[in-house]
PDB file of N, CA and C in Angstrom:
ATOM      1  N   MET A   1     -18.720 -24.829   4.831  1.00  0.00           N
ATOM      2  CA  MET A   1     -17.338 -24.575   4.488  1.00  0.00           C
ATOM      3  C   MET A   1     -17.267 -24.373   2.971  1.00  0.00           C
ATOM      4  N   SER A   2     -16.706 -23.239   2.567  1.00  0.00           N
ATOM      5  CA  SER A   2     -16.613 -22.985   1.128  1.00  0.00           C
ATOM      6  C   SER A   2     -15.338 -23.602   0.586  1.00  0.00           C
ATOM      7  N   THR A   3     -15.470 -24.215  -0.586  1.00  0.00           N
ATOM      8  CA  THR A   3     -14.304 -24.756  -1.264  1.00  0.00           C
ATOM      9  C   THR A   3     -14.308 -24.220  -2.683  1.00  0.00           C
ATOM     10  N   PHE A   4     -13.133 -24.041  -3.208  1.00  0.00           N
ATOM     11  CA  PHE A   4     -12.993 -23.528  -4.564  1.00  0.00           C
ATOM     12  C   PHE A   4     -12.938 -24.694  -5.542  1.00  0.00           C
ATOM     13  N   THR A   5     -13.770 -24.621  -6.557  1.00  0.00           N
ATOM     14  CA  THR A   5     -13.759 -25.653  -7.584  1.00  0.00           C
ATOM     15  C   THR A   5     -12.741 -25.281  -8.656  1.00  0.00           C
ATOM     16  N   ARG A   6     -12.410 -26.254  -9.470  1.00  0.00           N
ATOM     17  CA  ARG A   6     -11.473 -26.030 -10.571  1.00  0.00           C
ATOM     18  C   ARG A   6     -12.032 -24.972 -11.528  1.00  0.00           C
ATOM     19  N   GLU A   7     -13.332 -25.014 -11.765  1.00  0.00           N
ATOM     20  CA  GLU A   7     -13.961 -24.050 -12.668  1.00  0.00           C
ATOM     21  C   GLU A   7     -13.872 -22.626 -12.112  1.00  0.00           C
ATOM     22  N   GLU A   8     -14.012 -22.485 -10.796  1.00  0.00           N
ATOM     23  CA  GLU A   8     -13.901 -21.158 -10.184  1.00  0.00           C
ATOM     24  C   GLU A   8     -12.488 -20.607 -10.321  1.00  0.00           C
ATOM     25  N   ILE A   9     -11.493 -21.460 -10.152  1.00  0.00           N
ATOM     26  CA  ILE A   9     -10.105 -21.026 -10.301  1.00  0.00           C
ATOM     27  C   ILE A   9      -9.848 -20.591 -11.739  1.00  0.00           C
ATOM     28  N   GLU A  10     -10.348 -21.376 -12.695  1.00  0.00           N
ATOM     29  CA  GLU A  10     -10.188 -21.011 -14.110  1.00  0.00           C
ATOM     30  C   GLU A  10     -10.883 -19.683 -14.405  1.00  0.00           C
ATOM     31  N   HIS A  11     -12.069 -19.485 -13.813  1.00  0.00           N
ATOM     32  CA  HIS A  11     -12.806 -18.231 -14.014  1.00  0.00           C
ATOM     33  C   HIS A  11     -12.041 -17.045 -13.425  1.00  0.00           C
ATOM     34  N   LEU A  12     -11.486 -17.224 -12.228  1.00  0.00           N
ATOM     35  CA  LEU A  12     -10.689 -16.150 -11.620  1.00  0.00           C
ATOM     36  C   LEU A  12      -9.480 -15.821 -12.480  1.00  0.00           C
ATOM     37  N   GLY A  13      -8.843 -16.850 -13.029  1.00  0.00           N
ATOM     38  CA  GLY A  13      -7.709 -16.635 -13.911  1.00  0.00           C
ATOM     39  C   GLY A  13      -8.092 -15.844 -15.148  1.00  0.00           C
ATOM     40  N   SER A  14      -9.247 -16.175 -15.741  1.00  0.00           N
ATOM     41  CA  SER A  14      -9.671 -15.440 -16.941  1.00  0.00           C
ATOM     42  C   SER A  14     -10.069 -14.009 -16.602  1.00  0.00           C
ATOM     43  N   LEU A  15     -10.695 -13.806 -15.451  1.00  0.00           N
ATOM     44  CA  LEU A  15     -11.049 -12.438 -15.040  1.00  0.00           C
ATOM     45  C   LEU A  15      -9.815 -11.567 -14.860  1.00  0.00           C
ATOM     46  N   SER A  16      -8.755 -12.168 -14.325  1.00  0.00           N
ATOM     47  CA  SER A  16      -7.531 -11.408 -14.089  1.00  0.00           C
ATOM     48  C   SER A  16      -6.577 -11.468 -15.279  1.00  0.00           C
ATOM     49  N   ARG A  17      -7.024 -12.107 -16.356  1.00  0.00           N
ATOM     50  CA  ARG A  17      -6.240 -12.212 -17.594  1.00  0.00           C
ATOM     51  C   ARG A  17      -4.888 -12.886 -17.345  1.00  0.00           C
ATOM     52  N   ILE A  18      -4.936 -13.963 -16.556  1.00  0.00           N
ATOM     53  CA  ILE A  18      -3.740 -14.742 -16.270  1.00  0.00           C
ATOM     54  C   ILE A  18      -3.955 -16.148 -16.837  1.00  0.00           C
ATOM     55  N   ALA A  19      -3.078 -16.556 -17.711  1.00  0.00           N
ATOM     56  CA  ALA A  19      -3.146 -17.902 -18.269  1.00  0.00           C
ATOM     57  C   ALA A  19      -2.583 -18.885 -17.250  1.00  0.00           C
ATOM     58  N   LEU A  20      -3.410 -19.804 -16.791  1.00  0.00           N
ATOM     59  CA  LEU A  20      -2.991 -20.764 -15.783  1.00  0.00           C
ATOM     60  C   LEU A  20      -2.854 -22.149 -16.397  1.00  0.00           C
ATOM     61  N   THR A  21      -1.785 -22.823 -16.056  1.00  0.00           N
ATOM     62  CA  THR A  21      -1.604 -24.204 -16.501  1.00  0.00           C
ATOM     63  C   THR A  21      -2.416 -25.114 -15.583  1.00  0.00           C
ATOM     64  N   ASP A  22      -2.574 -26.382 -15.985  1.00  0.00           N
ATOM     65  CA  ASP A  22      -3.298 -27.339 -15.154  1.00  0.00           C
ATOM     66  C   ASP A  22      -2.639 -27.503 -13.787  1.00  0.00           C
ATOM     67  N   GLN A  23      -1.300 -27.517 -13.761  1.00  0.00           N
ATOM     68  CA  GLN A  23      -0.581 -27.638 -12.489  1.00  0.00           C
ATOM     69  C   GLN A  23      -0.843 -26.433 -11.593  1.00  0.00           C
ATOM     70  N   GLU A  24      -0.850 -25.230 -12.180  1.00  0.00           N
ATOM     71  CA  GLU A  24      -1.088 -24.015 -11.386  1.00  0.00           C
ATOM     72  C   GLU A  24      -2.507 -23.993 -10.844  1.00  0.00           C
ATOM     73  N   ILE A  25      -3.464 -24.436 -11.656  1.00  0.00           N
ATOM     74  CA  ILE A  25      -4.860 -24.471 -11.196  1.00  0.00           C
ATOM     75  C   ILE A  25      -5.000 -25.429 -10.017  1.00  0.00           C
ATOM     76  N   THR A  26      -4.392 -26.611 -10.130  1.00  0.00           N
ATOM     77  CA  THR A  26      -4.451 -27.594  -9.049  1.00  0.00           C
ATOM     78  C   THR A  26      -3.794 -27.051  -7.783  1.00  0.00           C
ATOM     79  N   ARG A  27      -2.618 -26.428  -7.938  1.00  0.00           N
ATOM     80  CA  ARG A  27      -1.913 -25.871  -6.773  1.00  0.00           C
ATOM     81  C   ARG A  27      -2.724 -24.741  -6.135  1.00  0.00           C
ATOM     82  N   LEU A  28      -3.248 -23.817  -6.960  1.00  0.00           N
ATOM     83  CA  LEU A  28      -4.030 -22.698  -6.428  1.00  0.00           C
ATOM     84  C   LEU A  28      -5.305 -23.182  -5.756  1.00  0.00           C
ATOM     85  N   GLN A  29      -5.924 -24.209  -6.306  1.00  0.00           N
ATOM     86  CA  GLN A  29      -7.132 -24.744  -5.702  1.00  0.00           C
ATOM     87  C   GLN A  29      -6.841 -25.230  -4.289  1.00  0.00           C
ATOM     88  N   GLY A  30      -5.736 -25.960  -4.121  1.00  0.00           N
ATOM     89  CA  GLY A  30      -5.364 -26.432  -2.788  1.00  0.00           C
ATOM     90  C   GLY A  30      -5.044 -25.283  -1.839  1.00  0.00           C
ATOM     91  N   GLU A  31      -4.276 -24.302  -2.328  1.00  0.00           N
ATOM     92  CA  GLU A  31      -3.886 -23.173  -1.469  1.00  0.00           C
ATOM     93  C   GLU A  31      -5.102 -22.337  -1.068  1.00  0.00           C
ATOM     94  N   LEU A  32      -5.982 -22.057  -2.023  1.00  0.00           N
ATOM     95  CA  LEU A  32      -7.162 -21.238  -1.704  1.00  0.00           C
ATOM     96  C   LEU A  32      -8.117 -21.970  -0.772  1.00  0.00           C
ATOM     97  N   ASN A  33      -8.210 -23.288  -0.902  1.00  0.00           N
ATOM     98  CA  ASN A  33      -9.067 -24.044   0.009  1.00  0.00           C
ATOM     99  C   ASN A  33      -8.504 -24.055   1.424  1.00  0.00           C
ATOM    100  N   VAL A  34      -7.185 -24.104   1.565  1.00  0.00           N
ATOM    101  CA  VAL A  34      -6.572 -24.023   2.897  1.00  0.00           C
ATOM    102  C   VAL A  34      -6.865 -22.653   3.511  1.00  0.00           C
ATOM    103  N   ILE A  35      -6.757 -21.597   2.718  1.00  0.00           N
ATOM    104  CA  ILE A  35      -7.047 -20.244   3.211  1.00  0.00           C
ATOM    105  C   ILE A  35      -8.510 -20.129   3.614  1.00  0.00           C
ATOM    106  N   ALA A  36      -9.412 -20.678   2.790  1.00  0.00           N
ATOM    107  CA  ALA A  36     -10.844 -20.621   3.105  1.00  0.00           C
ATOM    108  C   ALA A  36     -11.140 -21.380   4.392  1.00  0.00           C
ATOM    109  N   GLN A  37     -10.481 -22.525   4.605  1.00  0.00           N
ATOM    110  CA  GLN A  37     -10.683 -23.280   5.846  1.00  0.00           C
ATOM    111  C   GLN A  37     -10.211 -22.486   7.056  1.00  0.00           C
ATOM    112  N   ALA A  38      -9.089 -21.790   6.924  1.00  0.00           N
ATOM    113  CA  ALA A  38      -8.574 -20.979   8.035  1.00  0.00           C
ATOM    114  C   ALA A  38      -9.539 -19.843   8.358  1.00  0.00           C
ATOM    115  N   ILE A  39     -10.093 -19.222   7.325  1.00  0.00           N
ATOM    116  CA  ILE A  39     -11.060 -18.139   7.545  1.00  0.00           C
ATOM    117  C   ILE A  39     -12.300 -18.673   8.242  1.00  0.00           C
ATOM    118  N   ASN A  40     -12.780 -19.832   7.816  1.00  0.00           N
ATOM    119  CA  ASN A  40     -13.957 -20.432   8.457  1.00  0.00           C
ATOM    120  C   ASN A  40     -13.692 -20.754   9.916  1.00  0.00           C
ATOM    121  N   LYS A  41     -12.480 -21.218  10.226  1.00  0.00           N
ATOM    122  CA  LYS A  41     -12.134 -21.542  11.608  1.00  0.00           C
ATOM    123  C   LYS A  41     -12.136 -20.285  12.477  1.00  0.00           C
ATOM    124  N   VAL A  42     -11.606 -19.192  11.946  1.00  0.00           N
ATOM    125  CA  VAL A  42     -11.603 -17.929  12.691  1.00  0.00           C
ATOM    126  C   VAL A  42     -13.026 -17.433  12.901  1.00  0.00           C
ATOM    127  N   GLN A  43     -13.866 -17.574  11.890  1.00  0.00           N
ATOM    128  CA  GLN A  43     -15.253 -17.125  12.023  1.00  0.00           C
ATOM    129  C   GLN A  43     -16.022 -17.947  13.055  1.00  0.00           C
ATOM    130  N   GLU A  44     -15.657 -19.210  13.223  1.00  0.00           N
ATOM    131  CA  GLU A  44     -16.299 -20.031  14.243  1.00  0.00           C
ATOM    132  C   GLU A  44     -15.951 -19.545  15.641  1.00  0.00           C
ATOM    133  N   VAL A  45     -14.710 -19.128  15.837  1.00  0.00           N
ATOM    134  CA  VAL A  45     -14.242 -18.715  17.157  1.00  0.00           C
ATOM    135  C   VAL A  45     -14.728 -17.315  17.504  1.00  0.00           C
ATOM    136  N   ALA A  46     -14.707 -16.427  16.528  1.00  0.00           N
ATOM    137  CA  ALA A  46     -15.080 -15.037  16.781  1.00  0.00           C
ATOM    138  C   ALA A  46     -16.579 -14.950  17.023  1.00  0.00           C
ATOM    139  N   GLY A  47     -16.941 -14.522  18.226  1.00  0.00           N
ATOM    140  CA  GLY A  47     -18.347 -14.364  18.566  1.00  0.00           C
ATOM    141  C   GLY A  47     -18.752 -12.898  18.504  1.00  0.00           C
ATOM    142  N   ASP A  48     -19.993 -12.658  18.883  1.00  0.00           N
ATOM    143  CA  ASP A  48     -20.493 -11.286  18.872  1.00  0.00           C
ATOM    144  C   ASP A  48     -19.802 -10.407  19.906  1.00  0.00           C
ATOM    145  N   ASP A  49     -19.223 -11.022  20.939  1.00  0.00           N
ATOM    146  CA  ASP A  49     -18.560 -10.248  21.982  1.00  0.00           C
ATOM    147  C   ASP A  49     -17.128  -9.867  21.620  1.00  0.00           C
ATOM    148  N   VAL A  50     -16.613 -10.371  20.484  1.00  0.00           N
ATOM    149  CA  VAL A  50     -15.253 -10.056  20.044  1.00  0.00           C
ATOM    150  C   VAL A  50     -15.321  -8.942  19.009  1.00  0.00           C
ATOM    151  N   LEU A  51     -14.711  -7.807  19.332  1.00  0.00           N
ATOM    152  CA  LEU A  51     -14.737  -6.680  18.415  1.00  0.00           C
ATOM    153  C   LEU A  51     -13.737  -6.888  17.289  1.00  0.00           C
ATOM    154  N   PRO A  52     -14.124  -6.549  16.057  1.00  0.00           N
ATOM    155  CA  PRO A  52     -13.160  -6.666  14.961  1.00  0.00           C
ATOM    156  C   PRO A  52     -12.037  -5.656  15.134  1.00  0.00           C
ATOM    157  N   THR A  53     -10.820  -6.065  14.791  1.00  0.00           N
ATOM    158  CA  THR A  53      -9.682  -5.178  14.923  1.00  0.00           C
ATOM    159  C   THR A  53      -8.654  -5.507  13.856  1.00  0.00           C
ATOM    160  N   ALA A  54      -7.969  -4.485  13.390  1.00  0.00           N
ATOM    161  CA  ALA A  54      -6.920  -4.687  12.401  1.00  0.00           C
ATOM    162  C   ALA A  54      -5.562  -4.785  13.078  1.00  0.00           C
ATOM    163  N   ASN A  55      -5.453  -4.234  14.290  1.00  0.00           N
ATOM    164  CA  ASN A  55      -4.186  -4.233  15.001  1.00  0.00           C
ATOM    165  C   ASN A  55      -4.491  -4.357  16.493  1.00  0.00           C
ATOM    166  N   PRO A  56      -3.882  -5.284  17.195  1.00  0.00           N
ATOM    167  CA  PRO A  56      -4.186  -5.450  18.613  1.00  0.00           C
ATOM    168  C   PRO A  56      -3.700  -4.292  19.477  1.00  0.00           C
ATOM    169  N   ILE A  57      -2.767  -3.522  18.966  1.00  0.00           N
ATOM    170  CA  ILE A  57      -2.241  -2.382  19.721  1.00  0.00           C
ATOM    171  C   ILE A  57      -2.806  -1.111  19.089  1.00  0.00           C
ATOM    172  N   PRO A  58      -3.481  -0.258  19.872  1.00  0.00           N
ATOM    173  CA  PRO A  58      -4.025   0.969  19.288  1.00  0.00           C
ATOM    174  C   PRO A  58      -2.917   1.838  18.691  1.00  0.00           C
ATOM    175  N   LEU A  59      -3.148   2.279  17.485  1.00  0.00           N
ATOM    176  CA  LEU A  59      -2.163   3.130  16.820  1.00  0.00           C
ATOM    177  C   LEU A  59      -2.576   4.586  16.979  1.00  0.00           C
ATOM    178  N   GLU A  60      -1.629   5.400  17.353  1.00  0.00           N
ATOM    179  CA  GLU A  60      -1.890   6.818  17.506  1.00  0.00           C
ATOM    180  C   GLU A  60      -0.856   7.592  16.701  1.00  0.00           C
ATOM    181  N   ALA A  61      -1.296   8.682  16.128  1.00  0.00           N
ATOM    182  CA  ALA A  61      -0.369   9.532  15.390  1.00  0.00           C
ATOM    183  C   ALA A  61       0.259  10.513  16.377  1.00  0.00           C
ATOM    184  N   TYR A  62       1.549  10.416  16.510  1.00  0.00           N
ATOM    185  CA  TYR A  62       2.260  11.335  17.395  1.00  0.00           C
ATOM    186  C   TYR A  62       2.794  12.472  16.540  1.00  0.00           C
ATOM    187  N   MET A  63       2.232  13.644  16.745  1.00  0.00           N
ATOM    188  CA  MET A  63       2.631  14.795  15.956  1.00  0.00           C
ATOM    189  C   MET A  63       3.183  15.869  16.881  1.00  0.00           C
ATOM    190  N   ARG A  64       4.183  16.551  16.397  1.00  0.00           N
ATOM    191  CA  ARG A  64       4.739  17.630  17.198  1.00  0.00           C
ATOM    192  C   ARG A  64       3.778  18.811  17.157  1.00  0.00           C
ATOM    193  N   PRO A  65       3.820  19.667  18.153  1.00  0.00           N
ATOM    194  CA  PRO A  65       2.939  20.839  18.141  1.00  0.00           C
ATOM    195  C   PRO A  65       3.299  21.775  16.984  1.00  0.00           C
ATOM    196  N   ASP A  66       2.310  22.391  16.421  1.00  0.00           N
ATOM    197  CA  ASP A  66       2.515  23.332  15.324  1.00  0.00           C
ATOM    198  C   ASP A  66       2.867  24.692  15.923  1.00  0.00           C
ATOM    199  N   VAL A  67       4.155  25.011  15.898  1.00  0.00           N
ATOM    200  CA  VAL A  67       4.641  26.252  16.490  1.00  0.00           C
ATOM    201  C   VAL A  67       5.213  27.127  15.378  1.00  0.00           C
ATOM    202  N   ALA A  68       4.725  28.353  15.318  1.00  0.00           N
ATOM    203  CA  ALA A  68       5.218  29.278  14.300  1.00  0.00           C
ATOM    204  C   ALA A  68       6.659  29.664  14.611  1.00  0.00           C
ATOM    205  N   GLU A  69       7.484  29.683  13.581  1.00  0.00           N
ATOM    206  CA  GLU A  69       8.883  30.089  13.730  1.00  0.00           C
ATOM    207  C   GLU A  69       9.184  31.171  12.708  1.00  0.00           C
ATOM    208  N   THR A  70      10.258  31.891  12.947  1.00  0.00           N
ATOM    209  CA  THR A  70      10.670  32.933  12.023  1.00  0.00           C
ATOM    210  C   THR A  70      11.220  32.288  10.758  1.00  0.00           C
ATOM    211  N   PRO A  71      10.693  32.635   9.589  1.00  0.00           N
ATOM    212  CA  PRO A  71      11.177  32.021   8.352  1.00  0.00           C
ATOM    213  C   PRO A  71      12.574  32.529   8.000  1.00  0.00           C
ATOM    214  N   LEU A  72      13.231  31.803   7.090  1.00  0.00           N
ATOM    215  CA  LEU A  72      14.547  32.226   6.612  1.00  0.00           C
ATOM    216  C   LEU A  72      14.405  33.493   5.777  1.00  0.00           C
ATOM    217  N   THR A  73      15.414  34.311   5.827  1.00  0.00           N
ATOM    218  CA  THR A  73      15.444  35.460   4.923  1.00  0.00           C
ATOM    219  C   THR A  73      15.835  34.949   3.532  1.00  0.00           C
ATOM    220  N   GLN A  74      15.652  35.793   2.531  1.00  0.00           N
ATOM    221  CA  GLN A  74      16.014  35.396   1.177  1.00  0.00           C
ATOM    222  C   GLN A  74      17.505  35.083   1.086  1.00  0.00           C
ATOM    223  N   GLU A  75      18.321  35.884   1.739  1.00  0.00           N
ATOM    224  CA  GLU A  75      19.762  35.656   1.712  1.00  0.00           C
ATOM    225  C   GLU A  75      20.123  34.330   2.379  1.00  0.00           C
ATOM    226  N   GLN A  76      19.480  34.015   3.500  1.00  0.00           N
ATOM    227  CA  GLN A  76      19.753  32.751   4.185  1.00  0.00           C
ATOM    228  C   GLN A  76      19.341  31.554   3.315  1.00  0.00           C
ATOM    229  N   ALA A  77      18.183  31.667   2.667  1.00  0.00           N
ATOM    230  CA  ALA A  77      17.705  30.575   1.830  1.00  0.00           C
ATOM    231  C   ALA A  77      18.624  30.346   0.640  1.00  0.00           C
ATOM    232  N   LEU A  78      19.131  31.400   0.056  1.00  0.00           N
ATOM    233  CA  LEU A  78      19.983  31.283  -1.124  1.00  0.00           C
ATOM    234  C   LEU A  78      21.447  31.017  -0.788  1.00  0.00           C
ATOM    235  N   SER A  79      21.806  31.065   0.501  1.00  0.00           N
ATOM    236  CA  SER A  79      23.220  30.947   0.872  1.00  0.00           C
ATOM    237  C   SER A  79      23.820  29.584   0.514  1.00  0.00           C
ATOM    238  N   GLY A  80      23.043  28.531   0.483  1.00  0.00           N
ATOM    239  CA  GLY A  80      23.577  27.218   0.161  1.00  0.00           C
ATOM    240  C   GLY A  80      23.345  26.807  -1.279  1.00  0.00           C
ATOM    241  N   ALA A  81      22.750  27.692  -2.074  1.00  0.00           N
ATOM    242  CA  ALA A  81      22.448  27.354  -3.467  1.00  0.00           C
ATOM    243  C   ALA A  81      23.720  27.347  -4.303  1.00  0.00           C
ATOM    244  N   PRO A  82      23.866  26.358  -5.213  1.00  0.00           N
ATOM    245  CA  PRO A  82      25.047  26.358  -6.075  1.00  0.00           C
ATOM    246  C   PRO A  82      25.046  27.543  -7.032  1.00  0.00           C
ATOM    247  N   LEU A  83      23.858  28.023  -7.410  1.00  0.00           N
ATOM    248  CA  LEU A  83      23.783  29.157  -8.321  1.00  0.00           C
ATOM    249  C   LEU A  83      22.496  29.923  -8.045  1.00  0.00           C
ATOM    250  N   ALA A  84      22.624  31.235  -7.836  1.00  0.00           N
ATOM    251  CA  ALA A  84      21.464  32.101  -7.623  1.00  0.00           C
ATOM    252  C   ALA A  84      21.632  33.334  -8.492  1.00  0.00           C
ATOM    253  N   ILE A  85      20.549  33.704  -9.186  1.00  0.00           N
ATOM    254  CA  ILE A  85      20.570  34.886 -10.054  1.00  0.00           C
ATOM    255  C   ILE A  85      19.329  35.707  -9.750  1.00  0.00           C
ATOM    256  N   ASP A  86      19.525  37.010  -9.538  1.00  0.00           N
ATOM    257  CA  ASP A  86      18.432  37.949  -9.251  1.00  0.00           C
ATOM    258  C   ASP A  86      17.562  37.485  -8.079  1.00  0.00           C
ATOM    259  N   GLY A  87      18.188  36.951  -7.037  1.00  0.00           N
ATOM    260  CA  GLY A  87      17.442  36.561  -5.834  1.00  0.00           C
ATOM    261  C   GLY A  87      16.648  35.279  -5.993  1.00  0.00           C
ATOM    262  N   MET A  88      16.938  34.456  -7.009  1.00  0.00           N
ATOM    263  CA  MET A  88      16.215  33.199  -7.235  1.00  0.00           C
ATOM    264  C   MET A  88      17.210  32.068  -7.429  1.00  0.00           C
ATOM    265  N   PHE A  89      16.747  30.843  -7.134  1.00  0.00           N
ATOM    266  CA  PHE A  89      17.562  29.667  -7.422  1.00  0.00           C
ATOM    267  C   PHE A  89      17.665  29.519  -8.928  1.00  0.00           C
ATOM    268  N   GLU A  90      18.838  29.183  -9.405  1.00  0.00           N
ATOM    269  CA  GLU A  90      19.040  28.907 -10.831  1.00  0.00           C
ATOM    270  C   GLU A  90      19.299  27.415 -10.966  1.00  0.00           C
ATOM    271  N   ALA A  91      18.535  26.767 -11.840  1.00  0.00           N
ATOM    272  CA  ALA A  91      18.668  25.331 -12.051  1.00  0.00           C
ATOM    273  C   ALA A  91      18.863  25.051 -13.526  1.00  0.00           C
ATOM    274  N   PRO A  92      19.483  23.937 -13.873  1.00  0.00           N
ATOM    275  CA  PRO A  92      19.663  23.614 -15.280  1.00  0.00           C
ATOM    276  C   PRO A  92      18.319  23.366 -15.966  1.00  0.00           C
ATOM    277  N   ARG A  93      18.256  23.688 -17.233  1.00  0.00           N
ATOM    278  CA  ARG A  93      17.038  23.480 -18.010  1.00  0.00           C
ATOM    279  C   ARG A  93      16.790  21.977 -18.145  1.00  0.00           C
ATOM    280  N   MET A  94      15.537  21.588 -17.958  1.00  0.00           N
ATOM    281  CA  MET A  94      15.195  20.162 -17.986  1.00  0.00           C
ATOM    282  C   MET A  94      14.494  19.749 -19.282  1.00  0.00           C
ATOM    283  N   LEU A  95      13.756  20.645 -19.909  1.00  0.00           N
ATOM    284  CA  LEU A  95      12.882  20.242 -21.004  1.00  0.00           C
ATOM    285  C   LEU A  95      13.331  20.748 -22.357  1.00  0.00           C
ATOM    286  N   GLY A  96      14.555  21.129 -22.516  1.00  0.00           N
ATOM    287  CA  GLY A  96      15.037  21.540 -23.820  1.00  0.00           C
ATOM    288  C   GLY A  96      15.040  23.044 -23.998  1.00  0.00           C
ATOM    289  N   GLU A  97      15.172  23.455 -25.228  1.00  0.00           N
ATOM    290  CA  GLU A  97      15.312  24.868 -25.562  1.00  0.00           C
ATOM    291  C   GLU A  97      13.949  25.547 -25.690  1.00  0.00           C
ATOM    292  N   GLU A  98      13.961  26.878 -25.569  1.00  0.00           N
ATOM    293  CA  GLU A  98      12.731  27.643 -25.744  1.00  0.00           C
ATOM    294  C   GLU A  98      12.464  27.871 -27.205  1.00  0.00           C
TER     295      GLU A  98
END
């Protein structure tokens, strides 16, 4: 059973550039040891006959069929535009003057 020592917690904190107080180190040590115990318990139960899985329900991507359709004409595309000039959408300038 792996347990986290105080020195390991301090080392993890320094690696992640997080300043930990003595109280935080003590609390994290307890929390990480509980997590490690839970992982060890699962590893004891899981045998070679149990397949690893991330989700008990198989996930499938449901995609609609790719069916070609007639595209919009230029007039149809521009019909809802607030401003169109010379057959193009006109938008306000974003980056300043030329």
